[in-house]
Amino acid sequence: MTIDELQRLYLTSDLVEAVVEPSIQTNGWIVEFRHRRGGLVPLTDHAGSEKCYQDVDSATESAFEVGFHQVRIADAF
């Protein structure tokens, strides 16, 4: 989901956690959000591809942009 779509879910309290974790496919970081009903929702671009960041700080900033004030950083694999 895009940042705009995720912001709407955050405002309706449908997202309960933001997680930054290492990407399995690239040497970077991805952002996922835990939905209140379970499951993870990835941050994607407008084309639907998962967004990947070069560093933890950039990924964390995207989670903050959605509305979260705290972000969990998952350990590297």
Protein backbone atom coordinates (compact mmCIF):
# COMPACT_ATOMS: atom_id res chain seq x y z
CA MET A 1 0.00 0.00 0.00
CA THR A 2 1.14 3.54 -0.64
CA ILE A 3 1.84 6.04 2.11
CA ASP A 4 -1.51 7.78 1.44
CA GLU A 5 -3.43 4.51 1.77
CA LEU A 6 -1.52 3.57 4.92
CA GLN A 7 -2.19 7.00 6.45
CA ARG A 8 -5.93 6.40 6.05
CA LEU A 9 -5.63 3.01 7.78
CA TYR A 10 -3.59 4.59 10.57
CA LEU A 11 -6.19 7.32 11.13
CA THR A 12 -8.92 4.68 11.52
CA SER A 13 -6.72 2.72 13.99
CA ASP A 14 -6.43 -0.25 11.64
CA LEU A 15 -2.62 -0.28 11.89
CA VAL A 16 -1.10 -1.15 15.25
CA GLU A 17 2.66 -1.35 14.62
CA ALA A 18 5.33 -0.20 12.17
CA VAL A 19 8.25 -2.54 11.51
CA VAL A 20 11.47 -1.85 9.61
CA GLU A 21 13.30 -4.99 8.60
CA PRO A 22 16.01 -6.15 6.22
CA SER A 23 14.85 -6.95 2.72
CA ILE A 24 15.21 -10.58 1.68
CA GLN A 25 15.58 -9.68 -1.99
CA THR A 26 17.95 -6.70 -1.84
CA ASN A 27 20.63 -5.28 0.39
CA GLY A 28 18.31 -2.73 1.96
CA TRP A 29 15.38 -2.18 4.31
CA ILE A 30 11.60 -2.44 3.93
CA VAL A 31 8.71 -1.08 6.01
CA GLU A 32 5.72 -3.19 6.99
CA PHE A 33 2.73 -2.38 9.16
CA ARG A 34 0.87 -4.82 11.39
CA HIS A 35 -2.88 -4.69 10.79
CA ARG A 36 -5.17 -4.88 13.82
CA ARG A 37 -6.79 -8.02 12.38
CA GLY A 38 -3.40 -9.67 11.94
CA GLY A 39 -0.98 -9.87 9.08
CA LEU A 40 1.52 -7.42 7.70
CA VAL A 41 0.88 -4.73 5.10
CA PRO A 42 3.98 -3.66 3.14
CA LEU A 43 4.74 -0.11 2.05
CA THR A 44 4.71 -0.03 -1.76
CA ASP A 45 5.10 2.52 -4.52
CA HIS A 46 2.20 3.55 -6.78
CA ALA A 47 2.97 0.61 -9.10
CA GLY A 48 2.55 -1.86 -6.24
CA SER A 49 6.23 -2.76 -5.84
CA GLU A 50 7.59 -3.02 -2.32
CA LYS A 51 9.65 0.07 -1.47
CA CYS A 52 13.21 -0.65 -0.42
CA TYR A 53 15.47 1.84 1.36
CA GLN A 54 19.26 1.96 1.52
CA ASP A 55 19.34 2.68 5.26
CA VAL A 56 17.28 2.23 8.41
CA ASP A 57 16.83 5.98 8.93
CA SER A 58 15.13 6.52 5.55
CA ALA A 59 12.83 3.54 6.12
CA THR A 60 11.97 4.79 9.62
CA GLU A 61 11.10 8.24 8.26
CA SER A 62 8.50 6.64 5.98
CA ALA A 63 6.88 4.94 8.97
CA PHE A 64 6.81 8.30 10.75
CA GLU A 65 5.18 9.85 7.67
CA VAL A 66 2.34 7.32 7.96
CA GLY A 67 1.74 8.58 11.51
CA PHE A 68 3.62 6.29 13.87
CA HIS A 69 5.79 7.80 16.60
CA GLN A 70 7.61 4.55 17.35
CA VAL A 71 9.02 2.01 14.93
CA ARG A 72 10.30 -1.46 15.69
CA ILE A 73 13.59 -2.31 13.97
CA ALA A 74 13.76 -6.05 13.27
CA ASP A 75 17.11 -7.81 13.59
CA ALA A 76 19.07 -8.69 10.49
CA PHE A 77 18.81 -12.27 9.26
